[in-house]
């Protein structure tokens, strides 16, 4: 049986990223500061920067909060480099930079 997904969207590097229903339930219960699915999708589609953690085979999409430049919305996705597909694993607010190397940054 296929996992039920809530959305599928492309990131700025052309990867297809999905959010599955069970992951959204995890985010809602463990990270209630994330208020909406739209917040997660927007962060993947239009991040301020993307970092890569090769050890975890994941990328983190980071978008500065509209209310404070100190607060960041981070969305972590496990990615398969060969298929250019990934799945959201979690999302949360933080004041810390994500670990890993910056692989993409919004042009200002």
PDB file of N, CA and C in Angstrom:
ATOM      1  N   UNK A   1       0.844  -1.181   0.000  1.00  0.00           N
ATOM      2  CA  UNK A   1       0.000   0.000   0.000  1.00  0.00           C
ATOM      3  C   UNK A   1       0.889   1.245   0.000  1.00  0.00           C
ATOM      4  N   UNK A   2       0.602   2.173  -0.860  1.00  0.00           N
ATOM      5  CA  UNK A   2       1.378   3.397  -0.969  1.00  0.00           C
ATOM      6  C   UNK A   2       1.072   4.326   0.195  1.00  0.00           C
ATOM      7  N   UNK A   3       2.102   5.056   0.603  1.00  0.00           N
ATOM      8  CA  UNK A   3       1.900   6.046   1.649  1.00  0.00           C
ATOM      9  C   UNK A   3       1.062   7.195   1.095  1.00  0.00           C
ATOM     10  N   UNK A   4       0.164   7.697   1.923  1.00  0.00           N
ATOM     11  CA  UNK A   4      -0.661   8.835   1.514  1.00  0.00           C
ATOM     12  C   UNK A   4       0.160  10.107   1.692  1.00  0.00           C
ATOM     13  N   UNK A   5       0.258  10.882   0.621  1.00  0.00           N
ATOM     14  CA  UNK A   5       1.004  12.120   0.761  1.00  0.00           C
ATOM     15  C   UNK A   5       0.096  13.331   0.655  1.00  0.00           C
ATOM     16  N   UNK A   6       0.541  14.405   1.295  1.00  0.00           N
ATOM     17  CA  UNK A   6      -0.239  15.632   1.394  1.00  0.00           C
ATOM     18  C   UNK A   6       0.121  16.584   0.260  1.00  0.00           C
ATOM     19  N   UNK A   7       1.416  16.680  -0.037  1.00  0.00           N
ATOM     20  CA  UNK A   7       1.812  17.494  -1.183  1.00  0.00           C
ATOM     21  C   UNK A   7       3.074  16.949  -1.808  1.00  0.00           C
ATOM     22  N   UNK A   8       3.269  17.346  -3.036  1.00  0.00           N
ATOM     23  CA  UNK A   8       4.509  17.105  -3.767  1.00  0.00           C
ATOM     24  C   UNK A   8       4.849  18.429  -4.442  1.00  0.00           C
ATOM     25  N   UNK A   9       6.087  18.881  -4.272  1.00  0.00           N
ATOM     26  CA  UNK A   9       6.504  20.154  -4.858  1.00  0.00           C
ATOM     27  C   UNK A   9       7.966  20.064  -5.254  1.00  0.00           C
ATOM     28  N   UNK A  10       8.391  20.967  -6.101  1.00  0.00           N
ATOM     29  CA  UNK A  10       9.788  21.007  -6.517  1.00  0.00           C
ATOM     30  C   UNK A  10      10.533  22.057  -5.708  1.00  0.00           C
ATOM     31  N   UNK A  11      11.789  21.736  -5.381  1.00  0.00           N
ATOM     32  CA  UNK A  11      12.640  22.715  -4.710  1.00  0.00           C
ATOM     33  C   UNK A  11      13.414  23.507  -5.775  1.00  0.00           C
ATOM     34  N   UNK A  12      14.168  24.526  -5.387  1.00  0.00           N
ATOM     35  CA  UNK A  12      14.882  25.341  -6.369  1.00  0.00           C
ATOM     36  C   UNK A  12      15.927  24.587  -7.196  1.00  0.00           C
ATOM     37  N   UNK A  13      16.346  23.409  -6.738  1.00  0.00           N
ATOM     38  CA  UNK A  13      17.325  22.617  -7.481  1.00  0.00           C
ATOM     39  C   UNK A  13      16.668  21.514  -8.319  1.00  0.00           C
ATOM     40  N   UNK A  14      15.340  21.519  -8.399  1.00  0.00           N
ATOM     41  CA  UNK A  14      14.634  20.574  -9.249  1.00  0.00           C
ATOM     42  C   UNK A  14      14.317  19.231  -8.618  1.00  0.00           C
ATOM     43  N   UNK A  15      14.545  19.087  -7.321  1.00  0.00           N
ATOM     44  CA  UNK A  15      14.171  17.846  -6.634  1.00  0.00           C
ATOM     45  C   UNK A  15      12.671  17.858  -6.351  1.00  0.00           C
ATOM     46  N   UNK A  16      12.040  16.720  -6.472  1.00  0.00           N
ATOM     47  CA  UNK A  16      10.628  16.558  -6.149  1.00  0.00           C
ATOM     48  C   UNK A  16      10.533  16.106  -4.695  1.00  0.00           C
ATOM     49  N   UNK A  17       9.927  16.936  -3.853  1.00  0.00           N
ATOM     50  CA  UNK A  17       9.859  16.672  -2.411  1.00  0.00           C
ATOM     51  C   UNK A  17       8.403  16.451  -2.007  1.00  0.00           C
ATOM     52  N   UNK A  18       8.156  15.382  -1.249  1.00  0.00           N
ATOM     53  CA  UNK A  18       6.806  15.070  -0.792  1.00  0.00           C
ATOM     54  C   UNK A  18       6.712  15.176   0.734  1.00  0.00           C
ATOM     55  N   UNK A  19       5.517  15.524   1.181  1.00  0.00           N
ATOM     56  CA  UNK A  19       5.177  15.484   2.608  1.00  0.00           C
ATOM     57  C   UNK A  19       4.095  14.435   2.764  1.00  0.00           C
ATOM     58  N   UNK A  20       4.374  13.415   3.565  1.00  0.00           N
ATOM     59  CA  UNK A  20       3.425  12.331   3.793  1.00  0.00           C
ATOM     60  C   UNK A  20       2.596  12.604   5.045  1.00  0.00           C
ATOM     61  N   UNK A  21       1.425  12.015   5.079  1.00  0.00           N
ATOM     62  CA  UNK A  21       0.477  12.254   6.172  1.00  0.00           C
ATOM     63  C   UNK A  21       1.066  11.898   7.537  1.00  0.00           C
ATOM     64  N   UNK A  22       1.781  10.781   7.636  1.00  0.00           N
ATOM     65  CA  UNK A  22       2.337  10.390   8.931  1.00  0.00           C
ATOM     66  C   UNK A  22       3.413  11.375   9.402  1.00  0.00           C
ATOM     67  N   UNK A  23       4.159  11.950   8.459  1.00  0.00           N
ATOM     68  CA  UNK A  23       5.165  12.948   8.827  1.00  0.00           C
ATOM     69  C   UNK A  23       4.492  14.237   9.290  1.00  0.00           C
ATOM     70  N   UNK A  24       3.408  14.632   8.614  1.00  0.00           N
ATOM     71  CA  UNK A  24       2.679  15.823   9.045  1.00  0.00           C
ATOM     72  C   UNK A  24       2.149  15.628  10.466  1.00  0.00           C
ATOM     73  N   UNK A  25       1.684  14.446  10.796  1.00  0.00           N
ATOM     74  CA  UNK A  25       1.213  14.172  12.164  1.00  0.00           C
ATOM     75  C   UNK A  25       2.362  14.307  13.165  1.00  0.00           C
ATOM     76  N   UNK A  26       3.538  13.828  12.792  1.00  0.00           N
ATOM     77  CA  UNK A  26       4.732  13.986  13.645  1.00  0.00           C
ATOM     78  C   UNK A  26       5.021  15.470  13.876  1.00  0.00           C
ATOM     79  N   UNK A  27       5.022  16.251  12.796  1.00  0.00           N
ATOM     80  CA  UNK A  27       5.309  17.685  12.905  1.00  0.00           C
ATOM     81  C   UNK A  27       4.276  18.364  13.794  1.00  0.00           C
ATOM     82  N   UNK A  28       3.008  18.068  13.589  1.00  0.00           N
ATOM     83  CA  UNK A  28       1.946  18.699  14.394  1.00  0.00           C
ATOM     84  C   UNK A  28       2.075  18.362  15.875  1.00  0.00           C
ATOM     85  N   UNK A  29       2.439  17.125  16.192  1.00  0.00           N
ATOM     86  CA  UNK A  29       2.502  16.729  17.602  1.00  0.00           C
ATOM     87  C   UNK A  29       3.813  17.123  18.279  1.00  0.00           C
ATOM     88  N   UNK A  30       4.935  17.049  17.567  1.00  0.00           N
ATOM     89  CA  UNK A  30       6.247  17.324  18.174  1.00  0.00           C
ATOM     90  C   UNK A  30       6.723  18.762  17.976  1.00  0.00           C
ATOM     91  N   UNK A  31       6.187  19.450  16.966  1.00  0.00           N
ATOM     92  CA  UNK A  31       6.630  20.809  16.641  1.00  0.00           C
ATOM     93  C   UNK A  31       5.426  21.706  16.366  1.00  0.00           C
ATOM     94  N   UNK A  32       4.591  21.925  17.387  1.00  0.00           N
ATOM     95  CA  UNK A  32       3.353  22.690  17.179  1.00  0.00           C
ATOM     96  C   UNK A  32       3.600  24.141  16.761  1.00  0.00           C
ATOM     97  N   UNK A  33       4.839  24.600  16.859  1.00  0.00           N
ATOM     98  CA  UNK A  33       5.147  25.958  16.397  1.00  0.00           C
ATOM     99  C   UNK A  33       5.006  26.090  14.876  1.00  0.00           C
ATOM    100  N   UNK A  34       5.052  24.967  14.172  1.00  0.00           N
ATOM    101  CA  UNK A  34       4.789  24.960  12.727  1.00  0.00           C
ATOM    102  C   UNK A  34       3.272  24.920  12.574  1.00  0.00           C
ATOM    103  N   UNK A  35       2.728  26.013  12.067  1.00  0.00           N
ATOM    104  CA  UNK A  35       1.276  26.191  12.090  1.00  0.00           C
ATOM    105  C   UNK A  35       0.525  25.610  10.903  1.00  0.00           C
ATOM    106  N   UNK A  36       1.201  25.430   9.760  1.00  0.00           N
ATOM    107  CA  UNK A  36       0.437  24.991   8.593  1.00  0.00           C
ATOM    108  C   UNK A  36       1.282  24.208   7.598  1.00  0.00           C
ATOM    109  N   UNK A  37       0.588  23.432   6.804  1.00  0.00           N
ATOM    110  CA  UNK A  37       1.227  22.701   5.708  1.00  0.00           C
ATOM    111  C   UNK A  37       1.821  23.705   4.719  1.00  0.00           C
ATOM    112  N   UNK A  38       1.145  24.814   4.521  1.00  0.00           N
ATOM    113  CA  UNK A  38       1.628  25.842   3.603  1.00  0.00           C
ATOM    114  C   UNK A  38       3.002  26.355   4.029  1.00  0.00           C
ATOM    115  N   UNK A  39       3.222  26.491   5.327  1.00  0.00           N
ATOM    116  CA  UNK A  39       4.511  26.950   5.841  1.00  0.00           C
ATOM    117  C   UNK A  39       5.631  25.982   5.445  1.00  0.00           C
ATOM    118  N   UNK A  40       5.350  24.685   5.515  1.00  0.00           N
ATOM    119  CA  UNK A  40       6.324  23.662   5.135  1.00  0.00           C
ATOM    120  C   UNK A  40       6.569  23.711   3.625  1.00  0.00           C
ATOM    121  N   UNK A  41       5.500  23.731   2.853  1.00  0.00           N
ATOM    122  CA  UNK A  41       5.612  23.735   1.392  1.00  0.00           C
ATOM    123  C   UNK A  41       6.338  24.982   0.886  1.00  0.00           C
ATOM    124  N   UNK A  42       6.009  26.143   1.438  1.00  0.00           N
ATOM    125  CA  UNK A  42       6.657  27.385   1.037  1.00  0.00           C
ATOM    126  C   UNK A  42       8.150  27.353   1.337  1.00  0.00           C
ATOM    127  N   UNK A  43       8.527  26.780   2.465  1.00  0.00           N
ATOM    128  CA  UNK A  43       9.937  26.696   2.828  1.00  0.00           C
ATOM    129  C   UNK A  43      10.698  25.808   1.852  1.00  0.00           C
ATOM    130  N   UNK A  44      10.093  24.712   1.403  1.00  0.00           N
ATOM    131  CA  UNK A  44      10.743  23.837   0.414  1.00  0.00           C
ATOM    132  C   UNK A  44      10.826  24.530  -0.945  1.00  0.00           C
ATOM    133  N   UNK A  45       9.756  25.161  -1.364  1.00  0.00           N
ATOM    134  CA  UNK A  45       9.713  25.786  -2.703  1.00  0.00           C
ATOM    135  C   UNK A  45      10.559  27.053  -2.803  1.00  0.00           C
ATOM    136  N   UNK A  46      10.578  27.853  -1.733  1.00  0.00           N
ATOM    137  CA  UNK A  46      11.268  29.150  -1.799  1.00  0.00           C
ATOM    138  C   UNK A  46      12.100  29.398  -0.540  1.00  0.00           C
ATOM    139  N   UNK A  47      13.093  28.563  -0.290  1.00  0.00           N
ATOM    140  CA  UNK A  47      13.930  28.764   0.893  1.00  0.00           C
ATOM    141  C   UNK A  47      14.883  29.948   0.695  1.00  0.00           C
ATOM    142  N   UNK A  48      15.432  30.424   1.801  1.00  0.00           N
ATOM    143  CA  UNK A  48      16.504  31.416   1.710  1.00  0.00           C
ATOM    144  C   UNK A  48      17.828  30.717   1.408  1.00  0.00           C
ATOM    145  N   UNK A  49      17.987  29.505   1.942  1.00  0.00           N
ATOM    146  CA  UNK A  49      19.139  28.685   1.576  1.00  0.00           C
ATOM    147  C   UNK A  49      18.864  27.220   1.876  1.00  0.00           C
ATOM    148  N   UNK A  50      19.700  26.371   1.270  1.00  0.00           N
ATOM    149  CA  UNK A  50      19.597  24.921   1.451  1.00  0.00           C
ATOM    150  C   UNK A  50      20.963  24.418   1.901  1.00  0.00           C
ATOM    151  N   UNK A  51      20.970  23.604   2.953  1.00  0.00           N
ATOM    152  CA  UNK A  51      22.211  22.964   3.389  1.00  0.00           C
ATOM    153  C   UNK A  51      22.093  21.462   3.173  1.00  0.00           C
ATOM    154  N   UNK A  52      23.250  20.829   3.000  1.00  0.00           N
ATOM    155  CA  UNK A  52      23.281  19.385   2.768  1.00  0.00           C
ATOM    156  C   UNK A  52      24.079  18.715   3.872  1.00  0.00           C
ATOM    157  N   UNK A  53      23.537  17.633   4.403  1.00  0.00           N
ATOM    158  CA  UNK A  53      24.232  16.799   5.375  1.00  0.00           C
ATOM    159  C   UNK A  53      24.434  15.451   4.695  1.00  0.00           C
ATOM    160  N   UNK A  54      25.600  15.241   4.100  1.00  0.00           N
ATOM    161  CA  UNK A  54      25.839  14.022   3.329  1.00  0.00           C
ATOM    162  C   UNK A  54      25.833  12.776   4.206  1.00  0.00           C
ATOM    163  N   UNK A  55      26.263  12.900   5.464  1.00  0.00           N
ATOM    164  CA  UNK A  55      26.275  11.738   6.357  1.00  0.00           C
ATOM    165  C   UNK A  55      24.863  11.203   6.589  1.00  0.00           C
ATOM    166  N   UNK A  56      23.883  12.099   6.639  1.00  0.00           N
ATOM    167  CA  UNK A  56      22.492  11.702   6.874  1.00  0.00           C
ATOM    168  C   UNK A  56      21.681  11.600   5.580  1.00  0.00           C
ATOM    169  N   UNK A  57      22.324  11.852   4.440  1.00  0.00           N
ATOM    170  CA  UNK A  57      21.641  11.862   3.144  1.00  0.00           C
ATOM    171  C   UNK A  57      20.383  12.723   3.205  1.00  0.00           C
ATOM    172  N   UNK A  58      20.590  13.948   3.714  1.00  0.00           N
ATOM    173  CA  UNK A  58      19.452  14.846   3.858  1.00  0.00           C
ATOM    174  C   UNK A  58      19.841  16.269   3.481  1.00  0.00           C
ATOM    175  N   UNK A  59      18.827  17.056   3.213  1.00  0.00           N
ATOM    176  CA  UNK A  59      19.007  18.491   3.011  1.00  0.00           C
ATOM    177  C   UNK A  59      18.067  19.208   3.961  1.00  0.00           C
ATOM    178  N   UNK A  60      18.453  20.420   4.336  1.00  0.00           N
ATOM    179  CA  UNK A  60      17.609  21.254   5.179  1.00  0.00           C
ATOM    180  C   UNK A  60      17.298  22.532   4.416  1.00  0.00           C
ATOM    181  N   UNK A  61      16.018  22.790   4.263  1.00  0.00           N
ATOM    182  CA  UNK A  61      15.536  24.017   3.639  1.00  0.00           C
ATOM    183  C   UNK A  61      15.318  25.017   4.756  1.00  0.00           C
ATOM    184  N   UNK A  62      15.904  26.196   4.625  1.00  0.00           N
ATOM    185  CA  UNK A  62      15.796  27.209   5.675  1.00  0.00           C
ATOM    186  C   UNK A  62      15.215  28.485   5.092  1.00  0.00           C
ATOM    187  N   UNK A  63      14.221  28.996   5.799  1.00  0.00           N
ATOM    188  CA  UNK A  63      13.591  30.259   5.411  1.00  0.00           C
ATOM    189  C   UNK A  63      13.484  31.114   6.661  1.00  0.00           C
ATOM    190  N   UNK A  64      13.909  32.376   6.541  1.00  0.00           N
ATOM    191  CA  UNK A  64      13.803  33.279   7.686  1.00  0.00           C
ATOM    192  C   UNK A  64      12.342  33.588   7.945  1.00  0.00           C
ATOM    193  N   UNK A  65      11.986  33.637   9.214  1.00  0.00           N
ATOM    194  CA  UNK A  65      10.624  33.958   9.627  1.00  0.00           C
ATOM    195  C   UNK A  65      10.282  35.383   9.202  1.00  0.00           C
ATOM    196  N   UNK A  66       9.030  35.606   8.834  1.00  0.00           N
ATOM    197  CA  UNK A  66       8.621  36.962   8.460  1.00  0.00           C
ATOM    198  C   UNK A  66       8.516  37.878   9.676  1.00  0.00           C
ATOM    199  N   UNK A  67       8.509  37.299  10.870  1.00  0.00           N
ATOM    200  CA  UNK A  67       8.384  38.124  12.072  1.00  0.00           C
ATOM    201  C   UNK A  67       9.728  38.460  12.705  1.00  0.00           C
ATOM    202  N   UNK A  68      10.786  37.703  12.372  1.00  0.00           N
ATOM    203  CA  UNK A  68      12.091  37.940  12.990  1.00  0.00           C
ATOM    204  C   UNK A  68      13.184  37.289  12.150  1.00  0.00           C
ATOM    205  N   UNK A  69      14.243  38.031  11.854  1.00  0.00           N
ATOM    206  CA  UNK A  69      15.361  37.444  11.116  1.00  0.00           C
ATOM    207  C   UNK A  69      16.168  36.480  11.969  1.00  0.00           C
ATOM    208  N   UNK A  70      15.960  36.497  13.270  1.00  0.00           N
ATOM    209  CA  UNK A  70      16.657  35.543  14.141  1.00  0.00           C
ATOM    210  C   UNK A  70      16.022  34.156  14.074  1.00  0.00           C
ATOM    211  N   UNK A  71      14.736  34.088  13.787  1.00  0.00           N
ATOM    212  CA  UNK A  71      14.028  32.810  13.781  1.00  0.00           C
ATOM    213  C   UNK A  71      14.005  32.252  12.363  1.00  0.00           C
ATOM    214  N   UNK A  72      14.323  30.966  12.267  1.00  0.00           N
ATOM    215  CA  UNK A  72      14.338  30.289  10.983  1.00  0.00           C
ATOM    216  C   UNK A  72      13.340  29.144  10.985  1.00  0.00           C
ATOM    217  N   UNK A  73      12.713  28.928   9.857  1.00  0.00           N
ATOM    218  CA  UNK A  73      11.887  27.740   9.649  1.00  0.00           C
ATOM    219  C   UNK A  73      12.794  26.743   8.942  1.00  0.00           C
ATOM    220  N   UNK A  74      13.004  25.585   9.539  1.00  0.00           N
ATOM    221  CA  UNK A  74      13.814  24.531   8.927  1.00  0.00           C
ATOM    222  C   UNK A  74      12.922  23.360   8.558  1.00  0.00           C
ATOM    223  N   UNK A  75      13.082  22.872   7.340  1.00  0.00           N
ATOM    224  CA  UNK A  75      12.398  21.664   6.881  1.00  0.00           C
ATOM    225  C   UNK A  75      13.482  20.694   6.442  1.00  0.00           C
ATOM    226  N   UNK A  76      13.534  19.524   7.080  1.00  0.00           N
ATOM    227  CA  UNK A  76      14.545  18.511   6.764  1.00  0.00           C
ATOM    228  C   UNK A  76      13.903  17.448   5.889  1.00  0.00           C
ATOM    229  N   UNK A  77      14.591  17.108   4.783  1.00  0.00           N
ATOM    230  CA  UNK A  77      14.099  16.079   3.872  1.00  0.00           C
ATOM    231  C   UNK A  77      15.206  15.079   3.578  1.00  0.00           C
ATOM    232  N   UNK A  78      14.853  13.798   3.615  1.00  0.00           N
ATOM    233  CA  UNK A  78      15.765  12.752   3.155  1.00  0.00           C
ATOM    234  C   UNK A  78      15.689  12.744   1.637  1.00  0.00           C
ATOM    235  N   UNK A  79      16.845  12.739   0.976  1.00  0.00           N
ATOM    236  CA  UNK A  79      16.855  12.821  -0.483  1.00  0.00           C
ATOM    237  C   UNK A  79      17.661  11.687  -1.097  1.00  0.00           C
ATOM    238  N   UNK A  80      17.257  11.321  -2.304  1.00  0.00           N
ATOM    239  CA  UNK A  80      17.980  10.351  -3.115  1.00  0.00           C
ATOM    240  C   UNK A  80      18.557  11.137  -4.288  1.00  0.00           C
ATOM    241  N   UNK A  81      19.873  11.312  -4.295  1.00  0.00           N
ATOM    242  CA  UNK A  81      20.519  12.151  -5.308  1.00  0.00           C
ATOM    243  C   UNK A  81      20.314  11.610  -6.719  1.00  0.00           C
ATOM    244  N   UNK A  82      20.259  10.292  -6.868  1.00  0.00           N
ATOM    245  CA  UNK A  82      20.143   9.732  -8.213  1.00  0.00           C
ATOM    246  C   UNK A  82      18.761   9.946  -8.826  1.00  0.00           C
ATOM    247  N   UNK A  83      17.724   9.899  -8.016  1.00  0.00           N
ATOM    248  CA  UNK A  83      16.366  10.076  -8.542  1.00  0.00           C
ATOM    249  C   UNK A  83      15.866  11.515  -8.413  1.00  0.00           C
ATOM    250  N   UNK A  84      16.623  12.348  -7.674  1.00  0.00           N
ATOM    251  CA  UNK A  84      16.213  13.738  -7.418  1.00  0.00           C
ATOM    252  C   UNK A  84      14.843  13.805  -6.755  1.00  0.00           C
ATOM    253  N   UNK A  85      14.602  12.855  -5.822  1.00  0.00           N
ATOM    254  CA  UNK A  85      13.356  12.834  -5.055  1.00  0.00           C
ATOM    255  C   UNK A  85      13.687  12.825  -3.573  1.00  0.00           C
ATOM    256  N   UNK A  86      12.732  13.314  -2.780  1.00  0.00           N
ATOM    257  CA  UNK A  86      12.940  13.321  -1.347  1.00  0.00           C
ATOM    258  C   UNK A  86      11.632  13.358  -0.587  1.00  0.00           C
ATOM    259  N   UNK A  87      11.737  13.089   0.718  1.00  0.00           N
ATOM    260  CA  UNK A  87      10.580  13.098   1.610  1.00  0.00           C
ATOM    261  C   UNK A  87      10.885  13.971   2.814  1.00  0.00           C
ATOM    262  N   UNK A  88       9.943  14.840   3.145  1.00  0.00           N
ATOM    263  CA  UNK A  88      10.080  15.641   4.361  1.00  0.00           C
ATOM    264  C   UNK A  88      10.112  14.696   5.554  1.00  0.00           C
ATOM    265  N   UNK A  89      11.079  14.929   6.454  1.00  0.00           N
ATOM    266  CA  UNK A  89      11.193  14.123   7.674  1.00  0.00           C
ATOM    267  C   UNK A  89      10.727  14.877   8.908  1.00  0.00           C
ATOM    268  N   UNK A  90      10.948  16.198   8.928  1.00  0.00           N
ATOM    269  CA  UNK A  90      10.501  17.011  10.054  1.00  0.00           C
ATOM    270  C   UNK A  90      10.557  18.481   9.655  1.00  0.00           C
ATOM    271  N   UNK A  91       9.970  19.323  10.475  1.00  0.00           N
ATOM    272  CA  UNK A  91      10.015  20.775  10.300  1.00  0.00           C
ATOM    273  C   UNK A  91       9.928  21.407  11.680  1.00  0.00           C
ATOM    274  N   UNK A  92      10.648  22.507  11.869  1.00  0.00           N
ATOM    275  CA  UNK A  92      10.677  23.146  13.183  1.00  0.00           C
ATOM    276  C   UNK A  92      11.199  24.570  13.064  1.00  0.00           C
ATOM    277  N   UNK A  93      10.952  25.377  14.101  1.00  0.00           N
ATOM    278  CA  UNK A  93      11.510  26.718  14.196  1.00  0.00           C
ATOM    279  C   UNK A  93      12.767  26.658  15.052  1.00  0.00           C
ATOM    280  N   UNK A  94      13.735  27.504  14.730  1.00  0.00           N
ATOM    281  CA  UNK A  94      14.981  27.532  15.491  1.00  0.00           C
ATOM    282  C   UNK A  94      15.671  28.876  15.317  1.00  0.00           C
ATOM    283  N   UNK A  95      16.615  29.163  16.192  1.00  0.00           N
ATOM    284  CA  UNK A  95      17.478  30.328  16.021  1.00  0.00           C
ATOM    285  C   UNK A  95      18.871  29.885  15.573  1.00  0.00           C
ATOM    286  N   UNK A  96      19.069  28.583  15.429  1.00  0.00           N
ATOM    287  CA  UNK A  96      20.375  28.022  15.057  1.00  0.00           C
ATOM    288  C   UNK A  96      20.459  27.757  13.558  1.00  0.00           C
ATOM    289  N   UNK A  97      21.665  27.881  13.011  1.00  0.00           N
ATOM    290  CA  UNK A  97      21.895  27.471  11.629  1.00  0.00           C
ATOM    291  C   UNK A  97      21.928  25.949  11.567  1.00  0.00           C
ATOM    292  N   UNK A  98      21.404  25.355  10.480  1.00  0.00           N
ATOM    293  CA  UNK A  98      21.472  23.907  10.356  1.00  0.00           C
ATOM    294  C   UNK A  98      22.901  23.446  10.092  1.00  0.00           C
ATOM    295  N   UNK A  99      23.202  22.203  10.457  1.00  0.00           N
ATOM    296  CA  UNK A  99      24.519  21.634  10.201  1.00  0.00           C
ATOM    297  C   UNK A  99      24.618  21.251   8.726  1.00  0.00           C
ATOM    298  N   UNK A 100      25.802  21.360   8.182  1.00  0.00           N
ATOM    299  CA  UNK A 100      26.023  20.975   6.799  1.00  0.00           C
ATOM    300  C   UNK A 100      26.527  22.139   5.969  1.00  0.00           C
ATOM    301  N   UNK A 101      26.803  21.837   4.727  1.00  0.00           N
ATOM    302  CA  UNK A 101      27.321  22.828   3.793  1.00  0.00           C
ATOM    303  C   UNK A 101      26.180  23.475   3.019  1.00  0.00           C
ATOM    304  N   UNK A 102      26.262  24.786   2.824  1.00  0.00           N
ATOM    305  CA  UNK A 102      25.265  25.477   2.005  1.00  0.00           C
ATOM    306  C   UNK A 102      25.490  25.074   0.553  1.00  0.00           C
ATOM    307  N   UNK A 103      24.420  24.529  -0.081  1.00  0.00           N
ATOM    308  CA  UNK A 103      24.522  24.099  -1.472  1.00  0.00           C
ATOM    309  C   UNK A 103      23.698  24.975  -2.408  1.00  0.00           C
ATOM    310  N   UNK A 104      22.852  25.808  -1.853  1.00  0.00           N
ATOM    311  CA  UNK A 104      22.037  26.730  -2.659  1.00  0.00           C
ATOM    312  C   UNK A 104      21.671  27.917  -1.779  1.00  0.00           C
ATOM    313  N   UNK A 105      21.681  29.101  -2.379  1.00  0.00           N
ATOM    314  CA  UNK A 105      21.301  30.303  -1.624  1.00  0.00           C
ATOM    315  C   UNK A 105      20.533  31.235  -2.537  1.00  0.00           C
ATOM    316  N   UNK A 106      19.476  31.831  -1.995  1.00  0.00           N
ATOM    317  CA  UNK A 106      18.645  32.776  -2.759  1.00  0.00           C
ATOM    318  C   UNK A 106      19.511  33.975  -3.133  1.00  0.00           C
ATOM    319  N   UNK A 107      19.374  34.378  -4.370  1.00  0.00           N
ATOM    320  CA  UNK A 107      20.080  35.586  -4.823  1.00  0.00           C
ATOM    321  C   UNK A 107      19.298  36.802  -4.365  1.00  0.00           C
ATOM    322  N   UNK A 108      20.019  37.774  -3.846  1.00  0.00           N
ATOM    323  CA  UNK A 108      19.346  38.988  -3.379  1.00  0.00           C
ATOM    324  C   UNK A 108      19.529  40.131  -4.329  1.00  0.00           C
TER     325      UNK A 108
END
